[in-house]
Each structure stands twice: as structure tokens, then as C-alpha cells.
């Protein structure tokens, strides 16, 4: 397994944790989940709508790649996903954030989750 495949797999594992959180973890961790997703979406915005891990994948595949020049290309999705699973991933993550808004009593978790939803939708579908 080469370094590109390792990075793709790590990216996939992060996606697995994000999509299965609601089924595995206790609500006491909602603040961490919603905070992580908010940081994730903020870092996309600061990196020209690219994830740092995706950027590393692209650099490993093409050392001349420039940040933000091809945001639609995501190497790990070609390996681990198809159109349906990508859609399901988005639904599970946004759905989990929505559940957090309704079930948590932590006002910061609610705020983080709401902001993460708005940023996720904007950066994924409108940017």
C-alpha cells in the first residue's frame, strides 16, 4: 500500500466515524462532534473549499497541483464512494447535526451544529 492509498484510507475512516456517530456515540459527545464539523467546514472555507487531507492526496498524485484549482476532484471518493454513497454520507452528517440541535441541552453544541449545517450546504452545493 503506497502513501496515497494510506491517506485515502485515513480520509475514508474519518468519513465512517462522521457518518456513524449518531449510532455509536453517546449524546455527551455532541459538542465535540458539532465542533469538529464546524472546524472542518471553516477549514474548507479557508482553503479555497478544499479539505487539507484531499489537498495532500492531490499533491501526492500531482506535485504541481495548486490549492483550489480543481475542488470537484476528490481522490478518495473515486476509491471508496459512488454517487449514492456520497449523497447518503451528506444526509447522515447533516441529519446527525440536525438531531444534535434538537436533543442537546448544550447551547454551544446547538450553535456549532447549526453553523456547520449552513456552511456544509453552502460550500458543498453552492460554492
Protein backbone atom coordinates (compact mmCIF):
# COMPACT_ATOMS: atom_id res chain seq x y z
CA UNK A 1 0.00 0.00 0.00
CA UNK A 2 1.54 3.32 -1.05
CA UNK A 3 1.27 6.63 0.78
CA UNK A 4 -1.59 7.90 -1.40
CA UNK A 5 -3.66 4.84 -0.55
CA UNK A 6 -2.91 5.27 3.17
CA UNK A 7 -4.05 8.91 3.10
CA UNK A 8 -7.19 7.96 1.15
CA UNK A 9 -7.98 5.26 3.71
CA UNK A 10 -7.48 7.66 6.65
CA UNK A 11 -9.85 10.09 4.93
CA UNK A 12 -12.38 7.27 4.48
CA UNK A 13 -12.09 6.30 8.19
CA UNK A 14 -12.85 9.88 9.21
CA UNK A 15 -15.94 9.75 6.99
CA UNK A 16 -17.01 6.47 8.61
CA UNK A 17 -16.76 8.00 12.09
CA UNK A 18 -18.68 11.09 10.99
CA UNK A 19 -21.49 9.07 9.41
CA UNK A 20 -21.86 6.50 12.20
CA UNK A 21 -21.50 8.88 15.17
CA UNK A 22 -25.24 9.08 15.82
CA UNK A 23 -25.50 5.27 16.06
CA UNK A 24 -22.40 4.63 18.18
CA UNK A 25 -21.62 7.53 20.50
CA UNK A 26 -23.42 8.96 23.48
CA UNK A 27 -25.01 12.42 23.25
CA UNK A 28 -22.45 13.70 25.78
CA UNK A 29 -20.02 13.91 22.87
CA UNK A 30 -22.30 16.10 20.72
CA UNK A 31 -20.28 19.23 21.47
CA UNK A 32 -17.13 17.56 20.12
CA UNK A 33 -18.84 16.22 17.02
CA UNK A 34 -20.53 19.51 16.16
CA UNK A 35 -17.33 21.41 16.98
CA UNK A 36 -15.30 19.13 14.74
CA UNK A 37 -17.75 19.57 11.86
CA UNK A 38 -17.73 23.34 12.32
CA UNK A 39 -13.92 23.38 12.28
CA UNK A 40 -13.96 21.12 9.24
CA UNK A 41 -16.25 23.42 7.28
CA UNK A 42 -14.34 26.51 8.39
CA UNK A 43 -11.09 24.97 7.22
CA UNK A 44 -12.70 24.19 3.85
CA UNK A 45 -13.64 27.85 3.54
CA UNK A 46 -10.12 28.98 4.44
CA UNK A 47 -8.51 26.55 1.95
CA UNK A 48 -10.48 27.57 -1.14
CA UNK A 49 -13.15 24.92 -0.44
CA UNK A 50 -10.68 22.06 -0.17
CA UNK A 51 -10.10 19.68 2.70
CA UNK A 52 -6.48 19.56 3.85
CA UNK A 53 -6.47 15.77 3.52
CA UNK A 54 -7.83 15.96 -0.03
CA UNK A 55 -5.20 18.57 -0.83
CA UNK A 56 -2.49 16.21 0.45
CA UNK A 57 -3.95 13.39 -1.67
CA UNK A 58 -3.84 15.63 -4.75
CA UNK A 59 -0.28 16.76 -4.02
CA UNK A 60 0.86 13.15 -3.68
CA UNK A 61 -0.73 12.35 -7.03
CA UNK A 62 0.43 15.56 -8.72
CA UNK A 63 3.19 17.61 -7.00
CA UNK A 64 2.34 20.61 -9.23
CA UNK A 65 -1.29 20.77 -8.04
CA UNK A 66 -2.38 24.24 -6.89
CA UNK A 67 -4.77 24.64 -3.97
CA UNK A 68 -8.34 25.27 -5.12
CA UNK A 69 -7.72 24.65 -8.81
CA UNK A 70 -9.95 21.55 -9.00
CA UNK A 71 -12.24 21.38 -5.97
CA UNK A 72 -14.61 18.86 -7.53
CA UNK A 73 -11.90 16.19 -7.83
CA UNK A 74 -11.59 14.19 -4.62
CA UNK A 75 -9.30 11.18 -4.99
CA UNK A 76 -10.63 9.22 -2.01
CA UNK A 77 -14.20 9.41 -3.28
CA UNK A 78 -13.21 7.69 -6.51
CA UNK A 79 -11.84 4.80 -4.50
CA UNK A 80 -14.46 4.42 -1.77
CA UNK A 81 -17.68 6.03 -2.97
CA UNK A 82 -20.21 6.29 -5.73
CA UNK A 83 -22.91 8.90 -6.33
CA UNK A 84 -25.39 7.22 -3.99
CA UNK A 85 -22.98 6.71 -1.09
CA UNK A 86 -21.76 10.31 -1.34
CA UNK A 87 -25.35 11.52 -1.12
CA UNK A 88 -26.03 9.20 1.83
CA UNK A 89 -22.89 10.48 3.58
CA UNK A 90 -24.13 14.06 3.28
CA UNK A 91 -27.62 13.10 4.53
CA UNK A 92 -26.21 11.22 7.53
CA UNK A 93 -23.89 14.05 8.54
CA UNK A 94 -26.46 16.82 8.10
CA UNK A 95 -29.09 14.61 9.74
CA UNK A 96 -26.80 13.96 12.70
CA UNK A 97 -26.17 17.69 13.12
CA UNK A 98 -29.92 18.29 12.98
CA UNK A 99 -30.54 15.66 15.67
CA UNK A 100 -27.87 17.31 17.82
CA UNK A 101 -29.66 20.65 17.53
CA UNK A 102 -32.87 19.08 18.84
CA UNK A 103 -31.53 16.73 21.50
CA UNK A 104 -28.68 18.56 23.18
CA UNK A 105 -29.07 20.99 26.03
CA UNK A 106 -25.63 22.47 25.34
CA UNK A 107 -26.20 25.80 23.62
CA UNK A 108 -22.71 25.76 22.07
CA UNK A 109 -23.31 22.35 20.50
CA UNK A 110 -26.54 23.73 19.02
CA UNK A 111 -24.76 26.80 17.63
CA UNK A 112 -21.83 24.76 16.28
CA UNK A 113 -24.20 22.27 14.64
CA UNK A 114 -26.37 24.98 13.04
CA UNK A 115 -23.35 26.85 11.69
CA UNK A 116 -21.80 23.62 10.42
CA UNK A 117 -25.02 22.75 8.54
CA UNK A 118 -25.18 26.15 6.88
CA UNK A 119 -21.50 26.13 5.92
CA UNK A 120 -21.60 22.48 4.77
CA UNK A 121 -24.56 23.11 2.46
CA UNK A 122 -23.13 26.37 1.13
CA UNK A 123 -19.64 25.01 0.46
CA UNK A 124 -20.83 21.67 -0.90
CA UNK A 125 -23.70 22.76 -3.11
CA UNK A 126 -23.44 26.50 -3.78
CA UNK A 127 -19.74 27.43 -3.73
